[in-house]
């Protein structure tokens, strides 16, 4: 069988589930993963023959795609902020909008930093480690800590720290039941669970059926539970002029501002993401 035939099979078998452009994207990602060919290589040699073992790999991936398993879990990796990351069913797949909060933190530090003193940074609910590792990689003299309730998620995050050549201090704790941190920090950032149970019906099956619910959902009646708790901890463990950054549910922009005000934070800023919805917020401890 050749690559052109495989591509045709993918388009035929998956057309009821995904748009053609997305099916093509799956095919090219898998081709690079299985035989190391990029899209341009395939365009130059679309009739390249593949052996039976590679054909089995394509067929296996096709079966998983039919179950709407995310392509990132199938190949076991993704990219975030220009860096490679391992991912599996125990961690959320990093989203492009989360890259924006990383960029905001980096730019904020570059604009406001007046010396090369060590900066202590804490990422709460680190998952794959994408935020913590990207900050460690891009901020000079940063000492980064990362906390998560899931031991399985931390196992992946540790692999990603090693993959990207950074040192992270990992903590295995439930933030909702944690009142003390080992040191004070200059930056605390979190992309906590913020999707309400009532919003499940709006979600795609590939997310709902396969990504970890522990990292996604909160009760409808207490949607800001993590934000409130983390803000309380930040009040005690942020240095003066330290900053707290959150990724938020787009429906709770005003509520997030009010929460930070009530907790005593100043210079609060709410920002929209690439999709023009309220997605991230920053507050400063005075």
Protein backbone atom coordinates (compact mmCIF):
# COMPACT_ATOMS: atom_id res chain seq x y z
CA UNK A 1 0.00 0.00 0.00
CA UNK A 2 1.20 3.55 -0.66
CA UNK A 3 0.72 6.83 1.20
CA UNK A 4 -1.85 8.16 -1.25
CA UNK A 5 -4.03 5.11 -0.63
CA UNK A 6 -3.68 5.46 3.14
CA UNK A 7 -4.71 9.12 2.90
CA UNK A 8 -7.79 8.18 0.86
CA UNK A 9 -8.79 5.57 3.44
CA UNK A 10 -8.45 8.13 6.25
CA UNK A 11 -10.64 10.62 4.40
CA UNK A 12 -13.30 8.00 3.69
CA UNK A 13 -13.37 6.48 7.19
CA UNK A 14 -13.29 9.74 9.14
CA UNK A 15 -15.40 12.09 7.00
CA UNK A 16 -18.45 11.70 9.23
CA UNK A 17 -16.48 12.79 12.30
CA UNK A 18 -14.06 15.48 11.18
CA UNK A 19 -13.68 18.13 8.44
CA UNK A 20 -11.39 17.22 5.55
CA UNK A 21 -8.69 19.69 6.59
CA UNK A 22 -8.49 18.11 10.06
CA UNK A 23 -8.32 14.59 8.60
CA UNK A 24 -5.46 15.70 6.37
CA UNK A 25 -3.72 17.16 9.42
CA UNK A 26 -4.06 13.82 11.25
CA UNK A 27 -2.58 11.99 8.27
CA UNK A 28 0.43 14.30 7.99
CA UNK A 29 1.13 14.18 11.73
CA UNK A 30 1.03 10.40 11.70
CA UNK A 31 3.19 10.15 8.59
CA UNK A 32 5.86 12.28 10.25
CA UNK A 33 5.57 10.22 13.44
CA UNK A 34 5.69 6.79 11.75
CA UNK A 35 8.13 7.31 8.87
CA UNK A 36 9.68 10.73 9.46
CA UNK A 37 8.24 12.37 6.33
CA UNK A 38 6.98 15.94 6.37
CA UNK A 39 4.13 17.27 4.26
CA UNK A 40 6.46 18.55 1.54
CA UNK A 41 8.11 15.12 1.30
CA UNK A 42 4.72 13.47 0.78
CA UNK A 43 3.77 16.01 -1.88
CA UNK A 44 6.94 15.09 -3.79
CA UNK A 45 6.41 11.35 -3.36
CA UNK A 46 2.70 10.62 -2.74
CA UNK A 47 2.96 7.05 -4.00
CA UNK A 48 5.71 6.03 -1.62
CA UNK A 49 5.18 2.43 -0.54
CA UNK A 50 4.97 1.55 3.13
CA UNK A 51 5.68 -1.84 4.69
CA UNK A 52 3.12 -3.96 6.53
CA UNK A 53 4.24 -2.89 10.01
CA UNK A 54 3.81 0.80 9.20
CA UNK A 55 0.45 0.01 7.63
CA UNK A 56 -0.60 -1.64 10.90
CA UNK A 57 0.41 1.52 12.77
CA UNK A 58 -1.76 3.65 10.49
CA UNK A 59 -4.69 1.26 10.90
CA UNK A 60 -4.33 1.29 14.67
CA UNK A 61 -4.26 5.10 14.72
CA UNK A 62 -7.30 5.18 12.44
CA UNK A 63 -9.19 2.99 14.89
CA UNK A 64 -8.33 5.34 17.74
CA UNK A 65 -9.37 8.39 15.73
CA UNK A 66 -12.74 6.73 15.08
CA UNK A 67 -13.15 6.63 18.86
CA UNK A 68 -12.35 10.37 18.85
CA UNK A 69 -9.18 9.89 20.86
CA UNK A 70 -7.19 13.13 20.43
CA UNK A 71 -4.34 12.88 17.93
CA UNK A 72 -1.94 14.24 20.59
CA UNK A 73 -2.66 11.21 22.79
CA UNK A 74 -2.26 8.86 19.84
CA UNK A 75 1.23 10.10 18.98
CA UNK A 76 2.00 10.87 22.64
CA UNK A 77 3.28 14.38 22.16
CA UNK A 78 2.41 17.95 21.26
CA UNK A 79 4.01 21.39 21.06
CA UNK A 80 3.50 24.31 23.41
CA UNK A 81 5.23 27.68 23.25
CA UNK A 82 7.66 26.25 20.71
CA UNK A 83 8.67 23.37 23.01
CA UNK A 84 7.95 19.62 22.79
CA UNK A 85 5.77 17.96 25.43
CA UNK A 86 4.77 14.41 26.15
CA UNK A 87 1.05 14.01 26.80
CA UNK A 88 -1.25 11.14 27.68
CA UNK A 89 -4.74 10.64 29.09
CA UNK A 90 -3.57 11.79 32.54
CA UNK A 91 -2.96 15.39 31.47
CA UNK A 92 -4.86 18.01 29.54
CA UNK A 93 -3.65 18.75 26.04
CA UNK A 94 -2.11 22.25 26.19
CA UNK A 95 -4.20 24.87 24.36
CA UNK A 96 -2.96 27.79 22.23
CA UNK A 97 -4.78 30.29 24.46
CA UNK A 98 -2.71 29.08 27.44
CA UNK A 99 0.41 30.13 25.53
CA UNK A 100 -0.91 33.66 25.82
CA UNK A 101 -0.73 33.71 29.60
CA UNK A 102 2.85 32.41 29.39
CA UNK A 103 3.72 35.21 26.96
CA UNK A 104 2.04 37.75 29.24
CA UNK A 105 4.09 36.65 32.26
CA UNK A 106 7.35 36.67 30.28
CA UNK A 107 6.65 40.12 28.84
CA UNK A 108 5.59 41.48 32.23
CA UNK A 109 8.84 40.33 33.79
CA UNK A 110 10.99 41.63 30.94
CA UNK A 111 9.32 45.05 31.11
CA UNK A 112 9.31 45.45 34.90
CA UNK A 113 12.41 43.53 36.03
CA UNK A 114 15.21 45.81 37.20
CA UNK A 115 17.89 43.26 38.07
CA UNK A 116 18.91 39.63 37.58
CA UNK A 117 17.91 38.45 41.05
CA UNK A 118 16.36 35.00 41.26
CA UNK A 119 12.61 34.94 40.66
CA UNK A 120 10.54 32.33 42.44
CA UNK A 121 7.58 31.15 40.38
CA UNK A 122 4.81 28.69 41.30
CA UNK A 123 2.48 26.99 38.82
CA UNK A 124 -0.58 25.51 40.53
CA UNK A 125 -2.32 22.65 38.72
CA UNK A 126 0.63 22.09 36.42
CA UNK A 127 -0.65 19.04 34.52
CA UNK A 128 1.83 18.34 31.72
CA UNK A 129 4.05 21.07 33.13
CA UNK A 130 3.60 23.23 30.03
CA UNK A 131 3.32 26.57 31.86
CA UNK A 132 6.04 25.90 34.44
CA UNK A 133 8.51 24.51 31.92
CA UNK A 134 7.92 27.26 29.38
CA UNK A 135 8.54 29.89 32.06
CA UNK A 136 11.66 28.12 33.32
CA UNK A 137 12.97 27.93 29.77
CA UNK A 138 12.36 31.59 28.98
CA UNK A 139 12.95 33.54 32.20
CA UNK A 140 16.54 34.10 33.27
CA UNK A 141 17.38 33.14 36.86
CA UNK A 142 13.95 31.72 37.53
CA UNK A 143 13.36 29.06 40.15
CA UNK A 144 10.14 27.34 39.22
CA UNK A 145 7.90 25.16 41.35
CA UNK A 146 4.95 23.16 40.04
CA UNK A 147 2.10 21.67 42.05
CA UNK A 148 -0.54 19.13 41.10
CA UNK A 149 -2.94 16.78 42.89
CA UNK A 150 -2.30 13.98 40.38
CA UNK A 151 0.78 11.80 40.79
CA UNK A 152 0.25 10.51 37.24
CA UNK A 153 0.22 14.05 35.86
CA UNK A 154 3.40 14.88 37.77
CA UNK A 155 5.09 11.83 36.28
CA UNK A 156 4.44 13.27 32.82
CA UNK A 157 5.50 16.77 33.92
CA UNK A 158 8.80 15.40 35.24
CA UNK A 159 9.45 13.70 31.90
CA UNK A 160 8.74 16.99 30.16
CA UNK A 161 11.10 18.92 32.40
CA UNK A 162 13.86 16.46 31.54
CA UNK A 163 12.93 16.57 27.84
CA UNK A 164 13.26 20.36 27.82
CA UNK A 165 16.37 20.54 29.99
CA UNK A 166 14.95 22.54 32.91
CA UNK A 167 14.90 22.02 36.65
CA UNK A 168 11.50 22.22 38.34
CA UNK A 169 10.61 21.58 41.97
CA UNK A 170 7.49 19.43 41.94
CA UNK A 171 4.88 19.26 44.70
CA UNK A 172 2.17 16.62 44.97
CA UNK A 173 -0.70 18.28 46.87
CA UNK A 174 -4.38 19.12 46.69
CA UNK A 175 -4.45 22.90 46.60
CA UNK A 176 -7.94 22.98 48.15
CA UNK A 177 -6.54 21.32 51.26
CA UNK A 178 -3.22 23.11 51.38
CA UNK A 179 -2.50 26.10 53.61
CA UNK A 180 1.29 26.31 53.58
CA UNK A 181 3.92 26.61 50.86
CA UNK A 182 7.65 25.99 51.28
CA UNK A 183 8.76 29.52 50.30
CA UNK A 184 7.39 32.88 49.16
CA UNK A 185 7.00 33.58 45.46
CA UNK A 186 7.24 36.49 43.04
CA UNK A 187 4.78 34.97 40.57
CA UNK A 188 1.94 32.53 41.16
CA UNK A 189 0.14 31.28 38.07
CA UNK A 190 -2.69 28.81 37.65
CA UNK A 191 -4.89 27.36 34.94
CA UNK A 192 -7.21 25.55 37.35
CA UNK A 193 -10.36 23.56 36.60
CA UNK A 194 -12.99 26.09 35.52
CA UNK A 195 -15.52 24.36 33.25
CA UNK A 196 -18.90 24.07 34.96
CA UNK A 197 -20.74 20.76 34.87
CA UNK A 198 -23.58 22.47 32.97
CA UNK A 199 -21.13 23.31 30.18
CA UNK A 200 -20.38 19.66 29.39
CA UNK A 201 -23.11 19.60 26.75
CA UNK A 202 -21.21 22.28 24.80
CA UNK A 203 -17.99 20.26 24.69
CA UNK A 204 -16.73 18.03 21.93
CA UNK A 205 -16.60 14.30 22.55
CA UNK A 206 -12.85 14.09 21.98
CA UNK A 207 -12.41 16.31 25.06
CA UNK A 208 -15.31 15.03 27.14
CA UNK A 209 -14.58 11.35 26.66
CA UNK A 210 -10.80 11.37 26.86
CA UNK A 211 -9.25 14.31 28.72
CA UNK A 212 -9.05 14.13 32.55
CA UNK A 213 -12.20 15.50 34.18
CA UNK A 214 -10.26 16.22 37.37
CA UNK A 215 -8.40 18.96 35.50
CA UNK A 216 -11.46 20.34 33.74
CA UNK A 217 -14.64 20.53 35.80
CA UNK A 218 -16.01 22.32 38.83
CA UNK A 219 -19.43 22.26 40.44
CA UNK A 220 -21.94 24.69 38.96
CA UNK A 221 -22.66 26.27 42.32
CA UNK A 222 -19.01 26.96 43.18
CA UNK A 223 -17.32 27.78 39.88
CA UNK A 224 -14.60 29.97 41.42
CA UNK A 225 -13.59 27.62 44.22
CA UNK A 226 -10.01 27.23 42.99
CA UNK A 227 -9.57 30.95 42.32
CA UNK A 228 -10.69 31.87 45.81
CA UNK A 229 -8.41 29.34 47.49
CA UNK A 230 -5.38 30.18 45.36
CA UNK A 231 -5.90 33.90 45.92
CA UNK A 232 -5.96 33.30 49.70
CA UNK A 233 -2.70 31.36 49.48
CA UNK A 234 -1.19 34.04 47.25
CA UNK A 235 -2.02 36.66 49.85
CA UNK A 236 0.19 34.82 52.30
CA UNK A 237 2.91 33.56 49.98
CA UNK A 238 3.44 36.28 47.38
CA UNK A 239 6.23 38.74 47.99
CA UNK A 240 5.38 42.45 48.00
CA UNK A 241 4.70 43.53 44.40
CA UNK A 242 4.28 39.87 43.53
CA UNK A 243 1.72 38.99 40.88
CA UNK A 244 -0.95 36.35 40.49
CA UNK A 245 -2.04 35.18 37.02
CA UNK A 246 -5.08 33.04 36.20
CA UNK A 247 -6.54 31.52 33.09
CA UNK A 248 -10.31 31.87 33.52
CA UNK A 249 -13.68 30.73 32.24
CA UNK A 250 -14.77 33.31 29.65
CA UNK A 251 -18.14 33.62 31.40
CA UNK A 252 -16.56 34.86 34.63
CA UNK A 253 -14.48 37.89 33.68
CA UNK A 254 -16.30 40.36 35.93
CA UNK A 255 -16.59 37.85 38.74
CA UNK A 256 -12.85 37.16 38.57
CA UNK A 257 -12.09 40.87 38.81
CA UNK A 258 -14.38 41.23 41.82
CA UNK A 259 -12.84 38.21 43.52
CA UNK A 260 -9.32 39.61 43.25
CA UNK A 261 -10.52 42.99 44.47
CA UNK A 262 -12.20 41.39 47.48
CA UNK A 263 -8.97 39.52 48.26
CA UNK A 264 -7.06 42.82 48.29
CA UNK A 265 -5.18 42.63 44.99
CA UNK A 266 -4.48 45.83 43.08
CA UNK A 267 -3.65 46.82 39.49
CA UNK A 268 -5.99 44.11 38.25
CA UNK A 269 -6.02 43.53 34.50
CA UNK A 270 -8.38 41.30 32.51
CA UNK A 271 -7.32 40.26 29.00
CA UNK A 272 -9.01 38.59 26.06
CA UNK A 273 -7.48 35.68 24.15
CA UNK A 274 -7.01 35.06 20.44
CA UNK A 275 -10.72 34.21 20.20
CA UNK A 276 -11.65 37.63 21.67
CA UNK A 277 -13.12 36.28 24.90
CA UNK A 278 -12.13 37.03 28.50
CA UNK A 279 -9.47 34.41 29.24
CA UNK A 280 -6.79 35.65 31.65
CA UNK A 281 -6.42 37.95 34.60
CA UNK A 282 -3.58 39.39 36.64
CA UNK A 283 -3.51 41.03 40.06
CA UNK A 284 -0.69 42.49 42.14
CA UNK A 285 -0.07 42.17 45.84
CA UNK A 286 0.73 45.58 47.29
